[in-house]
C-alpha atoms as a PDB file:
ATOM      1  CA  MET A   1      -0.175   0.191  -0.111  1.00  0.00           C
ATOM      2  CA  LYS A   2       0.985   3.557  -0.406  1.00  0.00           C
ATOM      3  CA  LEU A   3       0.681   6.919   1.512  1.00  0.00           C
ATOM      4  CA  SER A   4      -1.762   8.218  -1.048  1.00  0.00           C
ATOM      5  CA  GLU A   5      -4.265   5.223  -0.922  1.00  0.00           C
ATOM      6  CA  LEU A   6      -4.825   5.854   3.401  1.00  0.00           C
ATOM      7  CA  GLN A   7      -6.288   9.805   2.180  1.00  0.00           C
ATOM      8  CA  SER A   8      -8.766   7.549   0.697  1.00  0.00           C
ATOM      9  CA  ILE A   9      -9.930   6.142   3.471  1.00  0.00           C
ATOM     10  CA  ASN A  10     -12.928   7.772   5.080  1.00  0.00           C
ATOM     11  CA  GLU A  11     -11.812   7.844   8.682  1.00  0.00           C
ATOM     12  CA  ILE A  12      -8.246   9.102   7.580  1.00  0.00           C
ATOM     13  CA  ARG A  13      -7.414  12.433   6.785  1.00  0.00           C
ATOM     14  CA  LEU A  14      -3.526  13.945   5.970  1.00  0.00           C
ATOM     15  CA  VAL A  15      -2.943  17.210   8.840  1.00  0.00           C
ATOM     16  CA  ASN A  16       0.363  18.628   7.714  1.00  0.00           C
ATOM     17  CA  THR A  17       1.756  19.549   3.945  1.00  0.00           C
ATOM     18  CA  ILE A  18       3.500  16.914   2.966  1.00  0.00           C
ATOM     19  CA  LYS A  19       2.617  15.189   0.468  1.00  0.00           C
ATOM     20  CA  ASP A  20       4.594  12.115   0.222  1.00  0.00           C
ATOM     21  CA  ASP A  21       3.993   8.891  -1.294  1.00  0.00           C
ATOM     22  CA  LYS A  22       6.100   6.138   0.435  1.00  0.00           C
ATOM     23  CA  ASP A  23       5.421   2.771   0.529  1.00  0.00           C
ATOM     24  CA  ILE A  24       3.838   1.418   3.556  1.00  0.00           C
ATOM     25  CA  GLN A  25       4.806  -2.374   4.508  1.00  0.00           C
ATOM     26  CA  ASP A  26       3.860  -2.589   8.040  1.00  0.00           C
ATOM     27  CA  VAL A  27       1.253  -0.920  10.741  1.00  0.00           C
ATOM     28  CA  TYR A  28       2.964  -0.228  14.467  1.00  0.00           C
ATOM     29  CA  ILE A  29       1.003   0.038  17.114  1.00  0.00           C
ATOM     30  CA  GLY A  30       2.521   1.454  20.800  1.00  0.00           C
ATOM     31  CA  ASP A  31       2.720   4.538  22.936  1.00  0.00           C
ATOM     32  CA  LEU A  32       5.971   3.926  25.166  1.00  0.00           C
ATOM     33  CA  LEU A  33       8.666   5.852  22.891  1.00  0.00           C
ATOM     34  CA  SER A  34      11.377   3.671  23.916  1.00  0.00           C
ATOM     35  CA  PHE A  35       9.842   0.188  23.204  1.00  0.00           C
ATOM     36  CA  VAL A  36       8.700   2.186  19.732  1.00  0.00           C
ATOM     37  CA  MET A  37      12.518   2.873  19.293  1.00  0.00           C
ATOM     38  CA  ALA A  38      13.430  -0.186  20.086  1.00  0.00           C
ATOM     39  CA  ASN A  39      10.972  -2.186  18.074  1.00  0.00           C
ATOM     40  CA  GLY A  40       9.468  -0.226  15.466  1.00  0.00           C
ATOM     41  CA  LYS A  41      10.164  -1.206  11.376  1.00  0.00           C
ATOM     42  CA  GLU A  42      11.381   1.178   8.188  1.00  0.00           C
ATOM     43  CA  GLU A  43       8.581   1.812   6.023  1.00  0.00           C
ATOM     44  CA  SER A  44       5.768   0.881   8.777  1.00  0.00           C
ATOM     45  CA  ILE A  45       3.165   3.325   9.356  1.00  0.00           C
ATOM     46  CA  TRP A  46       2.883   4.507  13.482  1.00  0.00           C
ATOM     47  CA  LEU A  47      -0.184   4.529  15.040  1.00  0.00           C
ATOM     48  CA  THR A  48       0.309   6.436  18.172  1.00  0.00           C
ATOM     49  CA  VAL A  49      -1.864   8.828  21.328  1.00  0.00           C
ATOM     50  CA  GLN A  50       1.331  10.731  21.582  1.00  0.00           C
ATOM     51  CA  ARG A  51       1.219  13.624  19.964  1.00  0.00           C
ATOM     52  CA  HIS A  52       4.501  16.005  21.221  1.00  0.00           C
ATOM     53  CA  ILE A  53       6.979  16.573  19.278  1.00  0.00           C
ATOM     54  CA  ASN A  54       9.081  13.448  20.392  1.00  0.00           C
ATOM     55  CA  VAL A  55       7.330  11.407  18.246  1.00  0.00           C
ATOM     56  CA  ILE A  56       8.615  12.686  15.603  1.00  0.00           C
ATOM     57  CA  ALA A  57      12.737  12.059  16.214  1.00  0.00           C
ATOM     58  CA  VAL A  58      11.343   8.169  16.460  1.00  0.00           C
ATOM     59  CA  ALA A  59       9.564   8.027  13.609  1.00  0.00           C
ATOM     60  CA  GLU A  60      12.658   9.694  11.772  1.00  0.00           C
ATOM     61  CA  LEU A  61      15.180   7.175  13.722  1.00  0.00           C
ATOM     62  CA  ASN A  62      12.722   4.223  12.884  1.00  0.00           C
ATOM     63  CA  ASP A  63      11.946   5.790   9.535  1.00  0.00           C
ATOM     64  CA  PHE A  64       8.294   5.031   9.401  1.00  0.00           C
ATOM     65  CA  SER A  65       6.120   6.211   6.524  1.00  0.00           C
ATOM     66  CA  ALA A  66       3.780   8.153   8.697  1.00  0.00           C
ATOM     67  CA  ILE A  67       2.890   8.268  11.898  1.00  0.00           C
ATOM     68  CA  ILE A  68      -1.444   7.830  12.075  1.00  0.00           C
ATOM     69  CA  PHE A  69      -2.998   9.727  16.128  1.00  0.00           C
ATOM     70  CA  VAL A  70      -5.771   7.731  16.431  1.00  0.00           C
ATOM     71  CA  GLU A  71      -8.807   8.650  18.273  1.00  0.00           C
ATOM     72  CA  ASN A  72      -9.247  11.821  16.765  1.00  0.00           C
ATOM     73  CA  VAL A  73      -6.139  12.974  18.506  1.00  0.00           C
ATOM     74  CA  GLU A  74      -4.590  16.154  17.482  1.00  0.00           C
ATOM     75  CA  PRO A  75      -0.824  17.142  17.303  1.00  0.00           C
ATOM     76  CA  ASP A  76       0.762  20.069  18.604  1.00  0.00           C
ATOM     77  CA  GLU A  77       1.815  23.057  16.627  1.00  0.00           C
ATOM     78  CA  GLU A  78       5.772  22.243  17.016  1.00  0.00           C
ATOM     79  CA  THR A  79       5.121  18.964  16.662  1.00  0.00           C
ATOM     80  CA  LEU A  80       3.555  19.552  12.874  1.00  0.00           C
ATOM     81  CA  LEU A  81       6.124  22.208  11.777  1.00  0.00           C
ATOM     82  CA  LYS A  82       9.259  19.460  12.947  1.00  0.00           C
ATOM     83  CA  ALA A  83       7.073  16.713  11.257  1.00  0.00           C
ATOM     84  CA  ASN A  84       7.070  19.128   8.080  1.00  0.00           C
ATOM     85  CA  GLU A  85      11.192  19.903   8.555  1.00  0.00           C
ATOM     86  CA  LEU A  86      11.668  16.811   7.937  1.00  0.00           C
ATOM     87  CA  HIS A  87       9.130  15.665   5.742  1.00  0.00           C
ATOM     88  CA  ILE A  88       7.548  12.625   8.329  1.00  0.00           C
ATOM     89  CA  PRO A  89       3.628  12.876   6.676  1.00  0.00           C
ATOM     90  CA  LEU A  90       0.790  13.315  10.214  1.00  0.00           C
ATOM     91  CA  PHE A  91      -2.675  11.902   9.829  1.00  0.00           C
ATOM     92  CA  VAL A  92      -5.634  12.009  12.154  1.00  0.00           C
ATOM     93  CA  SER A  93      -8.258   8.912  12.759  1.00  0.00           C
ATOM     94  CA  SER A  94     -11.308   9.021  14.634  1.00  0.00           C
ATOM     95  CA  LEU A  95     -10.418   5.112  14.985  1.00  0.00           C
ATOM     96  CA  ASP A  96      -9.078   3.493  17.961  1.00  0.00           C
ATOM     97  CA  ALA A  97      -5.488   1.344  17.059  1.00  0.00           C
ATOM     98  CA  PHE A  98      -7.741  -1.689  17.155  1.00  0.00           C
ATOM     99  CA  ALA A  99     -10.283  -0.452  14.472  1.00  0.00           C
ATOM    100  CA  LEU A 100      -7.894   1.457  11.849  1.00  0.00           C
ATOM    101  CA  CYS A 101      -5.619  -2.355  11.916  1.00  0.00           C
ATOM    102  CA  LYS A 102      -8.954  -4.128  10.875  1.00  0.00           C
ATOM    103  CA  ARG A 103      -9.792  -0.898   8.356  1.00  0.00           C
ATOM    104  CA  LEU A 104      -6.539  -1.027   7.207  1.00  0.00           C
ATOM    105  CA  TYR A 105      -6.004  -5.405   6.539  1.00  0.00           C
ATOM    106  CA  GLN A 106      -9.723  -4.643   4.646  1.00  0.00           C
ATOM    107  CA  GLU A 107      -7.977  -2.261   2.474  1.00  0.00           C
ATOM    108  CA  GLY A 108      -5.674  -4.311   1.140  1.00  0.00           C
ATOM    109  CA  LEU A 109      -2.825  -3.424   3.988  1.00  0.00           C
END
Protein backbone atom coordinates (compact mmCIF):
# COMPACT_ATOMS: atom_id res chain seq x y z
CA MET A 1 0.00 0.00 0.00
CA LYS A 2 1.08 3.58 -0.65
CA LEU A 3 0.53 6.60 1.60
CA SER A 4 -1.68 8.19 -1.04
CA GLU A 5 -4.13 5.31 -0.60
CA LEU A 6 -4.63 6.24 3.08
CA GLN A 7 -6.38 9.43 2.04
CA SER A 8 -9.16 7.44 0.37
CA ILE A 9 -10.11 5.95 3.75
CA ASN A 10 -12.84 8.13 5.28
CA GLU A 11 -11.61 7.80 8.85
CA ILE A 12 -8.11 9.12 8.06
CA ARG A 13 -7.07 12.66 7.13
CA LEU A 14 -3.71 14.28 6.42
CA VAL A 15 -2.97 17.10 8.88
CA ASN A 16 0.31 18.52 7.60
CA THR A 17 1.65 19.59 4.23
CA ILE A 18 3.65 16.49 3.30
CA LYS A 19 2.32 14.79 0.18
CA ASP A 20 4.84 11.94 0.05
CA ASP A 21 3.81 8.63 -1.51
CA LYS A 22 6.03 6.23 0.40
CA ASP A 23 5.38 2.52 0.59
CA ILE A 24 3.73 1.09 3.68
CA GLN A 25 4.96 -2.37 4.58
CA ASP A 26 3.55 -2.76 8.08
CA VAL A 27 1.67 -1.14 10.96
CA TYR A 28 3.18 -0.52 14.38
CA ILE A 29 1.01 0.35 17.40
CA GLY A 30 2.58 1.74 20.53
CA ASP A 31 2.71 4.67 22.90
CA LEU A 32 5.79 3.91 25.00
CA LEU A 33 8.42 5.75 22.96
CA SER A 34 11.42 3.71 24.12
CA PHE A 35 9.63 0.50 23.14
CA VAL A 36 8.66 1.92 19.75
CA MET A 37 12.27 3.02 19.17
CA ALA A 38 13.53 -0.47 19.95
CA ASN A 39 10.93 -2.43 18.00
CA GLY A 40 9.54 -0.33 15.16
CA LYS A 41 10.37 -1.34 11.60
CA GLU A 42 11.11 0.96 8.68
CA GLU A 43 8.38 1.61 6.14
CA SER A 44 5.73 1.09 8.83
CA ILE A 45 2.97 3.48 9.71
CA TRP A 46 2.91 4.17 13.42
CA LEU A 47 -0.40 4.41 15.27
CA THR A 48 -0.22 6.34 18.54
CA VAL A 49 -2.00 8.73 20.87
CA GLN A 50 1.25 10.53 21.76
CA ARG A 51 1.09 13.98 20.17
CA HIS A 52 4.24 15.79 21.29
CA ILE A 53 7.41 16.56 19.32
CA ASN A 54 9.29 13.47 20.56
CA VAL A 55 7.18 11.25 18.28
CA ILE A 56 8.80 12.93 15.29
CA ALA A 57 12.29 11.99 16.48
CA VAL A 58 11.19 8.38 16.97
CA ALA A 59 9.54 8.26 13.53
CA GLU A 60 12.68 9.64 11.90
CA LEU A 61 14.95 7.24 13.80
CA ASN A 62 12.88 4.23 12.70
CA ASP A 63 12.28 5.56 9.17
CA PHE A 64 8.51 5.20 9.51
CA SER A 65 6.46 6.05 6.42
CA ALA A 66 4.01 8.14 8.48
CA ILE A 67 2.40 8.63 11.87
CA ILE A 68 -1.34 8.25 12.41
CA PHE A 69 -2.72 9.77 15.59
CA VAL A 70 -5.72 7.68 16.60
CA GLU A 71 -8.93 8.55 18.50
CA ASN A 72 -9.00 12.09 17.06
CA VAL A 73 -5.79 13.08 18.84
CA GLU A 74 -4.38 16.18 17.12
CA PRO A 75 -0.62 16.81 17.09
CA ASP A 76 0.49 20.05 18.69
CA GLU A 77 1.88 22.92 16.62
CA GLU A 78 5.53 22.18 17.45
CA THR A 79 5.03 18.58 16.29
CA LEU A 80 3.48 19.71 13.01
CA LEU A 81 6.32 22.12 12.30
CA LYS A 82 9.03 19.53 12.99
CA ALA A 83 7.23 16.90 10.90
CA ASN A 84 7.05 19.34 7.99
CA GLU A 85 10.73 20.12 8.36
CA LEU A 86 11.66 16.42 8.31
CA HIS A 87 9.07 15.45 5.64
CA ILE A 88 7.11 13.07 7.85
CA PRO A 89 3.44 12.78 6.90
CA LEU A 90 1.01 13.07 9.81
CA PHE A 91 -2.54 11.75 9.76
CA VAL A 92 -5.40 11.77 12.27
CA SER A 93 -8.00 9.02 12.52
CA SER A 94 -11.28 9.02 14.37
CA LEU A 95 -10.87 5.28 14.99
CA ASP A 96 -9.03 3.62 17.85
CA ALA A 97 -5.87 1.67 16.98
CA PHE A 98 -7.57 -1.74 16.83
CA ALA A 99 -10.43 -0.57 14.64
CA LEU A 100 -8.01 1.27 12.36
CA CYS A 101 -5.84 -1.84 11.98
CA LYS A 102 -8.91 -3.83 11.00
CA ARG A 103 -9.81 -1.17 8.45
CA LEU A 104 -6.28 -1.09 7.03
CA TYR A 105 -6.34 -4.86 6.71
CA GLN A 106 -9.65 -4.66 4.83
CA GLU A 107 -8.06 -2.11 2.50
CA GLY A 108 -5.25 -4.52 1.63
CA LEU A 109 -2.41 -3.67 3.98
